[in-house]
Protein backbone atom coordinates (compact mmCIF):
# COMPACT_ATOMS: atom_id res chain seq x y z
CA MET A 1 -11.51 -5.21 -12.34
CA LEU A 2 -7.97 -4.28 -12.23
CA ILE A 3 -5.28 -6.43 -10.90
CA TRP A 4 -1.63 -5.79 -10.80
CA ASN A 5 1.47 -7.61 -9.41
CA GLU A 6 4.66 -5.68 -9.88
CA GLU A 7 7.95 -6.33 -8.37
CA ARG A 8 11.79 -4.72 -8.25
CA VAL A 9 14.76 -4.65 -6.41
CA ILE A 10 15.39 -1.83 -4.14
CA SER A 11 19.07 -1.38 -2.98
CA VAL A 12 18.38 -0.71 0.60
CA ASN A 13 18.07 -2.99 3.58
CA ILE A 14 14.66 -4.75 4.26
CA GLU A 15 14.32 -3.38 7.53
CA ASN A 16 14.91 0.24 6.08
CA VAL A 17 12.03 -0.29 3.34
CA TRP A 18 9.80 -2.04 5.96
CA ASN A 19 9.94 0.91 8.35
CA LEU A 20 8.08 3.01 5.47
CA PHE A 21 4.95 0.65 6.06
CA SER A 22 4.71 1.65 9.56
CA ASP A 23 1.72 3.77 11.14
CA GLU A 24 4.46 6.73 11.66
CA ASN A 25 5.76 6.75 8.33
CA LEU A 26 2.94 6.07 6.05
CA GLN A 27 2.18 9.45 4.81
CA ARG A 28 5.74 9.47 3.46
CA ILE A 29 5.12 6.79 0.93
CA MET A 30 1.42 7.66 0.52
CA PRO A 31 1.14 11.40 0.97
CA ASN A 32 -2.66 11.68 -0.04
CA VAL A 33 -3.51 9.72 3.22
CA VAL A 34 -4.40 12.58 5.46
CA GLU A 35 -5.61 10.34 8.46
CA HIS A 36 -4.41 6.84 9.68
CA THR A 37 -5.78 6.23 12.86
CA PRO A 38 -6.13 3.05 14.70
CA ILE A 39 -9.61 1.70 15.58
CA GLU A 40 -8.64 -1.68 17.15
CA LYS A 41 -5.40 -3.23 16.89
CA LYS A 42 -5.21 -7.29 17.27
CA GLU A 43 -2.60 -9.18 18.66
CA GLY A 44 -0.93 -10.67 15.71
CA ILE A 45 -1.99 -7.71 13.72
CA VAL A 46 -4.31 -9.74 11.24
CA GLY A 47 -7.85 -8.24 11.66
CA SER A 48 -6.85 -4.97 12.95
CA THR A 49 -8.49 -1.90 11.37
CA TYR A 50 -7.98 1.74 10.79
CA ARG A 51 -9.76 4.74 9.88
CA GLN A 52 -7.74 6.16 6.93
CA SER A 53 -8.97 9.57 4.87
CA TYR A 54 -7.34 9.90 1.43
CA LYS A 55 -7.17 13.75 -0.21
CA GLU A 56 -7.37 14.04 -3.76
CA GLY A 57 -8.05 17.86 -4.60
CA ARG A 58 -10.40 19.12 -2.45
CA ARG A 59 -12.26 15.84 -2.03
CA VAL A 60 -11.57 13.57 1.29
CA GLU A 61 -12.71 10.10 1.18
CA THR A 62 -12.70 8.23 4.73
CA TYR A 63 -12.91 4.65 4.88
CA ILE A 64 -12.10 1.62 7.38
CA VAL A 65 -8.91 -0.40 6.11
CA GLU A 66 -8.45 -3.91 7.66
CA THR A 67 -5.23 -5.82 8.00
CA LEU A 68 -6.04 -9.21 6.11
CA GLY A 69 -2.49 -10.60 6.37
CA TYR A 70 0.71 -9.95 8.23
CA GLU A 71 4.25 -11.38 8.24
CA ASN A 72 7.37 -9.97 9.73
CA THR A 73 10.48 -12.22 9.72
CA GLU A 74 14.02 -11.40 8.98
CA PHE A 75 13.87 -12.38 5.59
CA LYS A 76 10.29 -11.79 4.72
CA LYS A 77 7.92 -8.92 5.66
CA HIS A 78 4.12 -8.74 4.13
CA LEU A 79 1.11 -6.64 4.62
CA HIS A 80 -2.25 -7.44 3.06
CA ILE A 81 -4.79 -5.01 3.54
CA GLY A 82 -8.58 -4.44 2.29
CA PHE A 83 -10.96 -1.68 2.09
CA THR A 84 -14.33 -0.36 0.49
CA LEU A 85 -13.76 2.90 -0.99
CA GLY A 86 -16.79 5.32 -1.76
CA LYS A 87 -19.37 2.14 -1.80
CA ALA A 88 -18.05 1.83 -5.25
CA PHE A 89 -14.77 -0.25 -5.16
CA GLU A 90 -13.50 -3.02 -3.02
CA ILE A 91 -9.85 -2.56 -3.00
CA GLU A 92 -7.04 -5.16 -1.63
CA THR A 93 -3.40 -4.47 -1.84
CA ALA A 94 -0.19 -6.41 -0.66
CA PHE A 95 3.11 -5.28 0.02
CA THR A 96 5.64 -7.94 0.29
CA LEU A 97 9.61 -7.57 0.94
CA ILE A 98 12.00 -10.01 0.58
CA LYS A 99 15.46 -9.94 1.72
CA ILE A 100 17.98 -10.58 -1.03
CA ASP A 101 21.32 -9.92 1.00
CA GLU A 102 22.17 -7.11 3.58
CA THR A 103 21.68 -4.28 1.11
CA ASN A 104 18.97 -5.39 -1.32
CA THR A 105 15.33 -6.05 -0.71
CA ARG A 106 12.73 -7.38 -3.31
CA PHE A 107 9.46 -5.30 -3.31
CA ILE A 108 6.34 -7.11 -4.48
CA TYR A 109 3.34 -4.90 -4.77
CA SER A 110 0.09 -6.60 -5.75
CA GLY A 111 -3.54 -6.30 -5.72
CA HIS A 112 -6.81 -5.69 -7.28
CA ASN A 113 -9.43 -2.93 -7.47
CA LYS A 114 -12.91 -4.24 -8.03
CA GLY A 115 -16.10 -1.99 -9.01
CA ILE A 116 -18.92 -3.09 -6.71
CA ASN A 117 -21.80 -1.07 -8.07
CA PHE A 118 -22.78 0.08 -11.69
CA LEU A 119 -20.85 3.42 -11.03
CA GLY A 120 -17.76 1.56 -9.85
CA LYS A 121 -17.77 -0.68 -12.65
CA ILE A 122 -18.03 2.16 -15.34
CA MET A 123 -15.08 4.31 -13.70
CA LEU A 124 -12.65 1.24 -13.74
CA LYS A 125 -13.57 0.91 -17.34
CA ILE A 126 -12.70 4.55 -18.05
CA ALA A 127 -9.94 4.87 -16.03
CA GLY A 128 -8.21 1.44 -17.72
CA ASP A 129 -5.14 -0.51 -17.36
CA LYS A 130 -2.68 2.30 -18.55
CA ASN A 131 -3.77 4.71 -15.72
CA ASN A 132 -3.58 2.09 -12.87
CA ASN A 133 -0.18 0.96 -14.30
CA LYS A 134 1.20 4.54 -13.80
CA VAL A 135 -0.61 4.78 -10.24
CA VAL A 136 1.33 1.47 -9.58
CA GLN A 137 4.52 2.47 -10.94
CA ASP A 138 4.42 6.05 -9.04
CA PHE A 139 3.77 4.21 -5.83
CA MET A 140 6.51 1.90 -6.46
CA ASP A 141 9.08 4.91 -7.30
CA ARG A 142 7.93 6.63 -4.42
CA VAL A 143 8.86 3.76 -1.85
CA GLU A 144 12.19 3.51 -3.62
CA GLU A 145 12.99 7.14 -3.41
CA GLU A 146 11.83 7.14 0.49
CA ALA A 147 13.95 4.03 0.99
CA MET A 148 17.04 5.73 -0.46
CA GLU A 149 16.29 8.79 1.45
CA GLU A 150 15.82 7.06 4.79
CA THR A 151 19.36 4.92 4.10
CA ALA A 152 21.00 8.42 3.27
CA SER A 153 19.76 9.76 6.55
CA VAL A 154 20.75 7.11 8.91
């Protein structure tokens, strides 16, 4: 199982960063997500499900994402999702934003990727921590870049 918990301070207002995690802006921070369609939106958000498709090269994987946790207050924003990918991986990720002040936000990205069958377990061993760390850092960089761009265009 791969586990990560990374954080950084982004010099952008919490609302501008949070806006990137909305259904409308998700592809800005996850450009390989080619579809994000609500299946069932529940009151309070937790339990809502979405059909999501991810494209890597010519291959497209479609899976169902469930919202496992959600918080949206003035000082803290949190989104926790989970999905099974290719019948091989159980993935959970959480995005937490904490307001430091009007122009700084602490961004915490955590999660795990667990192989749920023989193939999934082998693939995770081959990919290893180094590759996973690069994926995590690339994602955090993209969120920071898009948040800075969002602020510059306002």
